């Protein structure tokens, strides 16, 4: 939980329900307490530091104040109307929102003119809509508080200063996640729903659903980049594959701890999702830094179906493609079953023919089983050792095959 009094108290303000505020004013009058405090609370916005002082003077409960807050934010910001307080840092929606900020968003560092900005940058309209929906679910407020910046090369949501301060409590760091080797927020591991929310948003932001049925390619991948400038004595001008890197640098990359990447592998292990990882080498950034890129691959029919049953990808296009992929598995279920049957018969009998396959699969005619055997012969699963031929002009013997793999 995040309570309002945990936020920066000098730059954040609240508005209270009118009857509750008037009750506080009357109590201050009755006790002749600090005209200065009285004047401050009569103003529309009350600084968090001020309300904490008044609570101490009147011996009130901060939780009671929190239940009567109707707005919270910076002095000149749109803030958060009808906030959901305290903020509950658990559940898929909250995990997705934080993942979105860490993936395609940005919590910038402060400078002399600003405490930093909080943004979410994505061209996918359905993803921006999903982030807004999660914002409203987790924090309250309304859509008018979230300006949309629409440029030719950027389309992003910009959040108010109070959201920046809330997210900083969770993330603990500002600036580039690649440069800072940022860690996964601790709350993600506090429940399965949190972990699922993180994975589905990460696939939406950083991932790719690879579905090419004609090439039998089905996988979900995403990549993470990390700064490794300190491992190089000089800059590089182009991407370098892992295999072309010096052995020392290659070893240091594999031995370095990349927090976000390792945490996501831990999540997949907990969820029981199998994966493979690949290092894709290093590449230069526009600012002259050097980064290495890791890739997570999730493949295999049962593995992908299991993941499909666990998550819903916030990107409409990617989620529909994932559904098509898993539906496609059903159309290829028969070949998989027949392949297993052929291998089983070959191992038990030493060979197989269309008659044996017909009986095992309960087919009505030999043509179906003959066609399957021909298909798997082309795929290199079995090898023909005896061709079909007529015997004495009365009957035809079936072709025989042996296991090749």
Protein backbone atom coordinates (compact mmCIF):
# COMPACT_ATOMS: atom_id res chain seq x y z
CA UNK A 1 0.00 0.00 0.00
CA UNK A 2 1.08 3.57 -0.71
CA UNK A 3 -0.51 6.23 1.54
CA UNK A 4 -0.80 9.89 0.65
CA UNK A 5 1.49 10.91 3.52
CA UNK A 6 4.37 8.90 1.99
CA UNK A 7 4.49 11.24 -1.01
CA UNK A 8 6.78 14.31 -1.11
CA UNK A 9 5.03 16.54 1.42
CA UNK A 10 6.25 19.96 0.29
CA UNK A 11 5.25 19.81 -3.36
CA UNK A 12 2.02 17.80 -3.20
CA UNK A 13 -1.39 19.06 -2.12
CA UNK A 14 -4.81 17.61 -1.34
CA UNK A 15 -8.44 18.70 -1.50
CA UNK A 16 -10.78 17.43 1.21
CA UNK A 17 -14.52 16.82 1.18
CA UNK A 18 -16.16 20.09 2.11
CA UNK A 19 -17.94 18.87 5.24
CA UNK A 20 -14.79 17.17 6.54
CA UNK A 21 -12.70 20.28 5.91
CA UNK A 22 -15.28 22.49 7.68
CA UNK A 23 -15.23 20.14 10.65
CA UNK A 24 -11.44 20.54 10.90
CA UNK A 25 -11.79 24.34 10.69
CA UNK A 26 -14.32 24.33 13.52
CA UNK A 27 -11.99 22.22 15.67
CA UNK A 28 -9.15 24.67 15.03
CA UNK A 29 -11.40 27.57 16.01
CA UNK A 30 -12.63 25.88 19.15
CA UNK A 31 -9.11 25.16 20.34
CA UNK A 32 -7.69 28.52 19.27
CA UNK A 33 -4.94 26.74 17.42
CA UNK A 34 -2.60 28.60 15.12
CA UNK A 35 -4.31 31.19 12.96
CA UNK A 36 -1.69 30.44 10.35
CA UNK A 37 -2.83 26.81 10.07
CA UNK A 38 -6.42 28.00 9.98
CA UNK A 39 -5.69 30.30 7.04
CA UNK A 40 -3.90 27.53 5.16
CA UNK A 41 -6.72 25.03 5.41
CA UNK A 42 -9.29 27.62 4.30
CA UNK A 43 -7.54 27.71 0.92
CA UNK A 44 -8.74 25.19 -1.63
CA UNK A 45 -5.50 23.15 -1.78
CA UNK A 46 -3.74 21.99 1.36
CA UNK A 47 -0.09 21.02 1.31
CA UNK A 48 0.50 17.49 2.61
CA UNK A 49 3.00 18.85 5.12
CA UNK A 50 0.33 21.26 6.43
CA UNK A 51 -2.36 18.62 6.85
CA UNK A 52 0.11 16.40 8.70
CA UNK A 53 0.80 19.26 11.13
CA UNK A 54 -2.92 19.86 11.64
CA UNK A 55 -3.51 16.14 12.22
CA UNK A 56 -0.89 16.23 14.97
CA UNK A 57 -2.42 19.36 16.54
CA UNK A 58 -5.93 17.91 16.59
CA UNK A 59 -4.86 14.36 17.36
CA UNK A 60 -6.64 13.06 14.25
CA UNK A 61 -6.09 9.83 12.34
CA UNK A 62 -4.26 10.13 9.00
CA UNK A 63 -6.34 7.22 7.67
CA UNK A 64 -9.48 9.27 8.36
CA UNK A 65 -8.04 12.16 6.36
CA UNK A 66 -7.12 9.78 3.53
CA UNK A 67 -10.71 8.56 3.25
CA UNK A 68 -11.88 12.14 2.76
CA UNK A 69 -9.47 13.20 0.00
CA UNK A 70 -11.19 14.12 -3.27
CA UNK A 71 -8.11 15.34 -5.16
CA UNK A 72 -4.34 15.05 -4.84
CA UNK A 73 -1.55 16.55 -6.94
CA UNK A 74 0.93 19.35 -7.50
CA UNK A 75 -0.04 22.98 -6.97
CA UNK A 76 -0.35 23.71 -10.71
CA UNK A 77 -1.11 20.24 -12.10
CA UNK A 78 -4.31 18.49 -13.09
CA UNK A 79 -3.59 15.99 -10.33
CA UNK A 80 -5.69 12.95 -9.55
CA UNK A 81 -9.43 13.40 -9.01
CA UNK A 82 -11.32 11.00 -6.74
CA UNK A 83 -8.16 9.02 -6.05
CA UNK A 84 -8.26 5.41 -4.90
CA UNK A 85 -6.36 5.68 -1.60
CA UNK A 86 -4.36 4.04 -0.26
CA UNK A 87 -2.93 2.78 -3.54
CA UNK A 88 -2.94 -1.01 -3.63
CA UNK A 89 0.27 -2.20 -5.27
CA UNK A 90 -0.88 -5.62 -6.38
CA UNK A 91 -2.88 -7.26 -9.13
CA UNK A 92 -2.54 -7.55 -12.89
CA UNK A 93 -3.65 -4.01 -13.69
CA UNK A 94 -1.06 -2.43 -11.38
CA UNK A 95 1.69 -4.77 -12.60
CA UNK A 96 0.81 -3.97 -16.22
CA UNK A 97 0.90 -0.23 -15.58
CA UNK A 98 4.34 -0.34 -13.94
CA UNK A 99 5.62 -2.75 -16.61
CA UNK A 100 4.36 -0.38 -19.32
CA UNK A 101 6.28 2.52 -17.78
CA UNK A 102 9.46 0.45 -17.45
CA UNK A 103 9.15 -1.01 -20.96
CA UNK A 104 7.95 1.74 -23.28
CA UNK A 105 7.62 4.54 -20.76
CA UNK A 106 10.04 6.91 -19.16
CA UNK A 107 10.55 8.36 -15.70
CA UNK A 108 13.02 11.12 -16.48
CA UNK A 109 15.61 12.51 -14.11
CA UNK A 110 15.02 15.82 -12.40
CA UNK A 111 16.76 19.05 -13.42
CA UNK A 112 16.75 22.64 -12.16
CA UNK A 113 13.36 23.29 -13.77
CA UNK A 114 11.59 19.99 -13.15
CA UNK A 115 11.38 16.99 -10.84
CA UNK A 116 11.13 14.78 -13.92
CA UNK A 117 8.34 13.58 -16.19
CA UNK A 118 6.38 10.35 -16.47
CA UNK A 119 5.38 9.18 -19.96
CA UNK A 120 4.27 6.12 -21.92
CA UNK A 121 5.31 6.09 -25.58
CA UNK A 122 3.69 3.66 -28.03
CA UNK A 123 2.19 3.85 -31.53
CA UNK A 124 -0.26 1.04 -30.75
CA UNK A 125 -3.60 2.69 -29.94
CA UNK A 126 -4.92 -0.42 -28.17
CA UNK A 127 -1.88 -0.46 -25.90
CA UNK A 128 -2.27 3.20 -24.98
CA UNK A 129 -5.93 2.49 -24.28
CA UNK A 130 -4.98 -0.46 -22.07
CA UNK A 131 -2.56 1.69 -20.06
CA UNK A 132 -5.27 4.33 -19.52
CA UNK A 133 -7.72 1.64 -18.40
CA UNK A 134 -5.20 0.25 -15.91
CA UNK A 135 -4.48 3.79 -14.67
CA UNK A 136 -8.18 4.39 -13.94
CA UNK A 137 -8.52 0.97 -12.28
CA UNK A 138 -5.54 1.39 -9.98
CA UNK A 139 -5.47 5.10 -9.16
CA UNK A 140 -8.92 6.54 -9.86
CA UNK A 141 -9.01 9.87 -11.69
CA UNK A 142 -10.34 10.42 -15.19
CA UNK A 143 -9.07 10.33 -18.75
CA UNK A 144 -8.86 14.15 -18.98
CA UNK A 145 -5.90 14.05 -16.59
CA UNK A 146 -3.76 12.21 -19.17
CA UNK A 147 -2.69 14.40 -22.10
CA UNK A 148 -1.98 12.60 -25.38
CA UNK A 149 0.96 14.00 -27.37
CA UNK A 150 0.56 13.17 -31.04
CA UNK A 151 3.65 13.74 -33.18
CA UNK A 152 4.85 12.23 -36.43
CA UNK A 153 7.64 10.21 -34.77
CA UNK A 154 6.15 9.91 -31.28
CA UNK A 155 2.75 9.19 -29.78
CA UNK A 156 2.80 9.23 -26.00
CA UNK A 157 0.74 9.70 -22.86
CA UNK A 158 2.05 12.17 -20.29
CA UNK A 159 1.04 11.73 -16.68
CA UNK A 160 0.71 14.34 -13.94
CA UNK A 161 3.35 15.07 -11.32
CA UNK A 162 1.56 13.08 -8.62
CA UNK A 163 1.79 9.98 -10.79
CA UNK A 164 5.50 10.63 -11.28
CA UNK A 165 5.97 10.69 -7.50
CA UNK A 166 3.91 7.54 -6.99
CA UNK A 167 5.79 5.59 -9.66
CA UNK A 168 9.16 6.72 -8.27
CA UNK A 169 8.28 5.13 -4.91
CA UNK A 170 7.83 1.83 -6.79
CA UNK A 171 10.75 2.04 -9.23
CA UNK A 172 13.22 3.80 -6.90
CA UNK A 173 15.27 4.97 -9.90
CA UNK A 174 14.87 7.48 -12.70
CA UNK A 175 16.35 7.53 -16.17
CA UNK A 176 17.16 4.78 -18.69
CA UNK A 177 16.49 1.22 -17.54
CA UNK A 178 19.34 -0.02 -19.75
CA UNK A 179 21.90 2.39 -18.29
CA UNK A 180 20.77 1.91 -14.69
CA UNK A 181 20.49 -1.90 -14.87
CA UNK A 182 17.18 -1.33 -13.11
CA UNK A 183 15.68 -4.03 -10.89
CA UNK A 184 12.22 -5.49 -11.10
CA UNK A 185 9.99 -3.95 -8.38
CA UNK A 186 9.75 -6.28 -5.38
CA UNK A 187 5.94 -6.41 -5.37
CA UNK A 188 5.89 -8.32 -8.69
CA UNK A 189 6.95 -11.52 -6.89
CA UNK A 190 4.25 -11.16 -4.22
CA UNK A 191 1.61 -13.01 -6.23
CA UNK A 192 0.91 -14.93 -9.43
CA UNK A 193 -1.41 -12.20 -10.74
CA UNK A 194 1.39 -9.64 -10.43
CA UNK A 195 3.79 -11.85 -12.37
CA UNK A 196 1.23 -12.60 -15.08
CA UNK A 197 0.48 -8.89 -15.47
CA UNK A 198 4.18 -8.16 -15.89
CA UNK A 199 4.67 -10.86 -18.54
CA UNK A 200 1.59 -9.98 -20.62
CA UNK A 201 2.48 -6.25 -20.67
CA UNK A 202 6.13 -7.02 -21.49
CA UNK A 203 5.12 -9.18 -24.46
CA UNK A 204 2.82 -6.36 -25.59
CA UNK A 205 5.51 -3.67 -25.33
CA UNK A 206 8.78 -5.44 -26.04
CA UNK A 207 7.76 -8.73 -27.60
CA UNK A 208 6.84 -10.29 -30.90
CA UNK A 209 4.33 -13.05 -31.61
CA UNK A 210 5.95 -15.02 -34.44
CA UNK A 211 3.34 -17.05 -36.30
CA UNK A 212 4.19 -18.28 -39.78
CA UNK A 213 2.06 -21.41 -40.31
CA UNK A 214 3.51 -22.19 -43.73
CA UNK A 215 7.00 -22.36 -42.17
CA UNK A 216 5.88 -24.03 -38.90
CA UNK A 217 7.28 -21.06 -36.96
CA UNK A 218 5.47 -20.41 -33.72
CA UNK A 219 7.10 -18.56 -30.85
CA UNK A 220 6.92 -15.56 -28.57
CA UNK A 221 10.08 -13.55 -28.08
CA UNK A 222 11.17 -10.35 -26.39
CA UNK A 223 14.50 -8.63 -25.96
CA UNK A 224 16.24 -6.66 -23.21
CA UNK A 225 19.20 -4.32 -23.69
CA UNK A 226 21.82 -3.43 -21.08
CA UNK A 227 24.73 -1.02 -20.99
CA UNK A 228 28.20 -2.63 -21.27
CA UNK A 229 30.22 0.45 -22.27
CA UNK A 230 32.61 -0.14 -19.37
CA UNK A 231 33.72 -3.48 -20.89
CA UNK A 232 35.16 -1.78 -24.00
CA UNK A 233 38.31 0.31 -24.27
CA UNK A 234 37.06 2.15 -27.34
CA UNK A 235 33.75 2.91 -29.04
CA UNK A 236 32.19 0.80 -31.79
CA UNK A 237 30.48 2.01 -34.96
CA UNK A 238 28.31 -0.98 -35.86
CA UNK A 239 26.55 -4.00 -34.42
CA UNK A 240 28.88 -6.89 -33.54
CA UNK A 241 27.55 -10.48 -33.20
CA UNK A 242 28.48 -12.38 -30.07
CA UNK A 243 30.70 -14.80 -31.98
CA UNK A 244 32.95 -11.99 -33.21
CA UNK A 245 33.58 -10.50 -29.77
CA UNK A 246 36.88 -11.17 -27.94
CA UNK A 247 36.59 -14.13 -25.57
CA UNK A 248 37.28 -11.94 -22.53
CA UNK A 249 34.43 -9.54 -23.31
CA UNK A 250 32.16 -12.44 -24.21
CA UNK A 251 32.87 -14.06 -20.85
CA UNK A 252 32.30 -10.79 -18.95
CA UNK A 253 28.94 -10.30 -20.67
CA UNK A 254 27.81 -13.81 -19.66
CA UNK A 255 29.04 -13.30 -16.09
CA UNK A 256 27.47 -9.87 -15.63
CA UNK A 257 24.19 -9.67 -13.72
CA UNK A 258 21.40 -8.07 -15.75
CA UNK A 259 18.69 -7.54 -13.16
CA UNK A 260 15.56 -7.15 -15.27
CA UNK A 261 16.42 -10.04 -17.57
CA UNK A 262 17.21 -12.44 -14.73
CA UNK A 263 14.04 -11.48 -12.86
CA UNK A 264 11.91 -12.25 -15.91
CA UNK A 265 13.54 -15.66 -16.24
CA UNK A 266 12.69 -16.24 -12.59
CA UNK A 267 9.04 -15.37 -13.28
CA UNK A 268 8.87 -17.83 -16.19
CA UNK A 269 10.39 -20.54 -13.99
CA UNK A 270 7.79 -19.91 -11.28
CA UNK A 271 4.97 -20.00 -13.84
CA UNK A 272 6.32 -23.24 -15.32
CA UNK A 273 6.89 -21.77 -18.80
CA UNK A 274 9.90 -23.19 -20.64
CA UNK A 275 12.19 -20.87 -22.58
CA UNK A 276 15.57 -20.44 -24.24
CA UNK A 277 17.83 -17.39 -24.04
CA UNK A 278 20.22 -15.96 -26.61
CA UNK A 279 22.72 -13.15 -26.54
CA UNK A 280 22.53 -11.14 -29.77
CA UNK A 281 25.86 -9.36 -29.42
CA UNK A 282 26.46 -5.64 -28.92
CA UNK A 283 25.47 -2.45 -30.70
CA UNK A 284 26.24 1.30 -30.44
CA UNK A 285 23.64 3.88 -29.36
CA UNK A 286 23.21 7.34 -30.84
CA UNK A 287 24.87 8.77 -27.72
CA UNK A 288 27.99 6.65 -28.18
CA UNK A 289 27.22 4.03 -25.53
CA UNK A 290 27.54 0.28 -26.07
CA UNK A 291 24.75 -2.10 -25.20
CA UNK A 292 24.26 -5.83 -25.32
CA UNK A 293 20.94 -7.40 -26.20
CA UNK A 294 19.45 -10.60 -24.72
CA UNK A 295 16.51 -12.46 -26.20
CA UNK A 296 13.97 -14.77 -24.55
CA UNK A 297 12.32 -17.40 -26.79
CA UNK A 298 9.16 -19.28 -25.81
CA UNK A 299 8.32 -22.14 -28.20
CA UNK A 300 6.69 -25.62 -28.38
CA UNK A 301 3.00 -26.40 -28.72
CA UNK A 302 2.06 -27.36 -25.15
CA UNK A 303 4.26 -24.64 -23.70
CA UNK A 304 2.62 -21.93 -25.80
CA UNK A 305 -0.89 -23.26 -25.12
CA UNK A 306 -0.12 -23.16 -21.40
CA UNK A 307 0.99 -19.54 -21.69
CA UNK A 308 -2.11 -18.71 -23.76
CA UNK A 309 -4.29 -20.01 -20.92
CA UNK A 310 -2.46 -17.79 -18.43
CA UNK A 311 -2.28 -14.40 -20.13
CA UNK A 312 -4.13 -11.92 -22.33
CA UNK A 313 -1.79 -9.60 -24.25
CA UNK A 314 -2.94 -5.95 -23.99
CA UNK A 315 -2.02 -5.31 -27.64
CA UNK A 316 -5.03 -6.32 -29.74
CA UNK A 317 -2.98 -7.33 -32.80
CA UNK A 318 -0.54 -9.46 -30.81
CA UNK A 319 -3.26 -11.10 -28.75
CA UNK A 320 -5.29 -12.01 -31.85
CA UNK A 321 -2.17 -13.43 -33.48
CA UNK A 322 -1.43 -15.48 -30.36
CA UNK A 323 -5.00 -16.85 -30.46
CA UNK A 324 -4.63 -17.75 -34.14
CA UNK A 325 -1.38 -19.52 -33.32
CA UNK A 326 -2.93 -21.65 -30.60
CA UNK A 327 -6.03 -22.39 -32.68
CA UNK A 328 -3.67 -23.45 -35.45
CA UNK A 329 -2.18 -26.05 -33.15
CA UNK A 330 -5.51 -27.86 -33.20
CA UNK A 331 -5.36 -28.22 -37.00
CA UNK A 332 -1.92 -29.80 -36.69
CA UNK A 333 -2.90 -32.15 -33.88
CA UNK A 334 -3.67 -35.07 -36.25
CA UNK A 335 -0.20 -35.12 -37.90
CA UNK A 336 1.42 -35.10 -34.46
CA UNK A 337 -0.73 -38.00 -33.32
CA UNK A 338 -0.01 -40.02 -36.48
CA UNK A 339 3.70 -39.32 -36.24
CA UNK A 340 3.74 -40.69 -32.69
CA UNK A 341 1.76 -43.77 -33.82
CA UNK A 342 4.15 -44.49 -36.70
CA UNK A 343 7.17 -44.23 -34.42
CA UNK A 344 5.48 -46.49 -31.85
CA UNK A 345 4.62 -49.19 -34.45
CA UNK A 346 8.09 -49.06 -35.98
CA UNK A 347 9.74 -49.50 -32.61
CA UNK A 348 7.50 -52.39 -31.59
CA UNK A 349 7.36 -54.23 -34.96
CA UNK A 350 10.60 -53.07 -36.55
CA UNK A 351 8.65 -51.82 -39.58
CA UNK A 352 5.25 -50.47 -40.61
CA UNK A 353 2.83 -50.62 -43.54
CA UNK A 354 -0.44 -48.93 -44.48
CA UNK A 355 -2.55 -51.87 -43.26
CA UNK A 356 -1.10 -51.69 -39.75
CA UNK A 357 -1.51 -47.90 -39.64
CA UNK A 358 -5.12 -48.19 -40.90
CA UNK A 359 -6.02 -50.65 -38.15
CA UNK A 360 -4.28 -48.61 -35.43
CA UNK A 361 -5.98 -45.35 -36.48
CA UNK A 362 -9.34 -46.99 -37.31
CA UNK A 363 -9.39 -45.55 -40.82
CA UNK A 364 -12.08 -46.78 -43.27
CA UNK A 365 -9.71 -47.31 -46.19
CA UNK A 366 -6.04 -47.80 -46.95
CA UNK A 367 -5.75 -44.63 -49.03
CA UNK A 368 -5.66 -42.39 -45.96
CA UNK A 369 -2.94 -44.34 -44.18
CA UNK A 370 -0.94 -44.70 -47.43
CA UNK A 371 -0.94 -40.92 -47.91
CA UNK A 372 0.26 -40.34 -44.37
CA UNK A 373 3.13 -42.78 -44.83
CA UNK A 374 4.15 -41.04 -48.04
CA UNK A 375 4.10 -37.66 -46.28
CA UNK A 376 6.32 -38.81 -43.42
CA UNK A 377 8.65 -40.50 -45.90
CA UNK A 378 9.16 -37.10 -47.57
CA UNK A 379 9.79 -35.50 -44.19
CA UNK A 380 12.53 -38.04 -43.46
CA UNK A 381 10.78 -39.73 -40.52
CA UNK A 382 10.56 -43.16 -42.22
CA UNK A 383 12.28 -44.88 -45.13
CA UNK A 384 10.69 -47.26 -47.65
CA UNK A 385 12.34 -50.70 -47.68
CA UNK A 386 9.78 -52.56 -49.81
CA UNK A 387 7.52 -51.20 -52.54
CA UNK A 388 3.89 -52.13 -53.01
CA UNK A 389 3.25 -54.80 -55.65
CA UNK A 390 0.65 -57.27 -56.83
CA UNK A 391 1.04 -60.86 -55.64
CA UNK A 392 0.19 -63.52 -58.21
CA UNK A 393 -2.39 -61.23 -59.82
CA UNK A 394 -4.84 -61.77 -56.96
CA UNK A 395 -3.91 -59.14 -54.35
CA UNK A 396 -1.59 -56.22 -53.72
CA UNK A 397 1.00 -56.20 -50.93
CA UNK A 398 1.47 -53.00 -48.97
CA UNK A 399 4.71 -51.03 -49.05
CA UNK A 400 6.86 -51.37 -45.92
CA UNK A 401 8.80 -48.70 -44.07
CA UNK A 402 11.34 -48.52 -41.27
CA UNK A 403 12.09 -45.69 -38.84
CA UNK A 404 14.77 -43.34 -40.10
CA UNK A 405 15.19 -40.91 -37.21
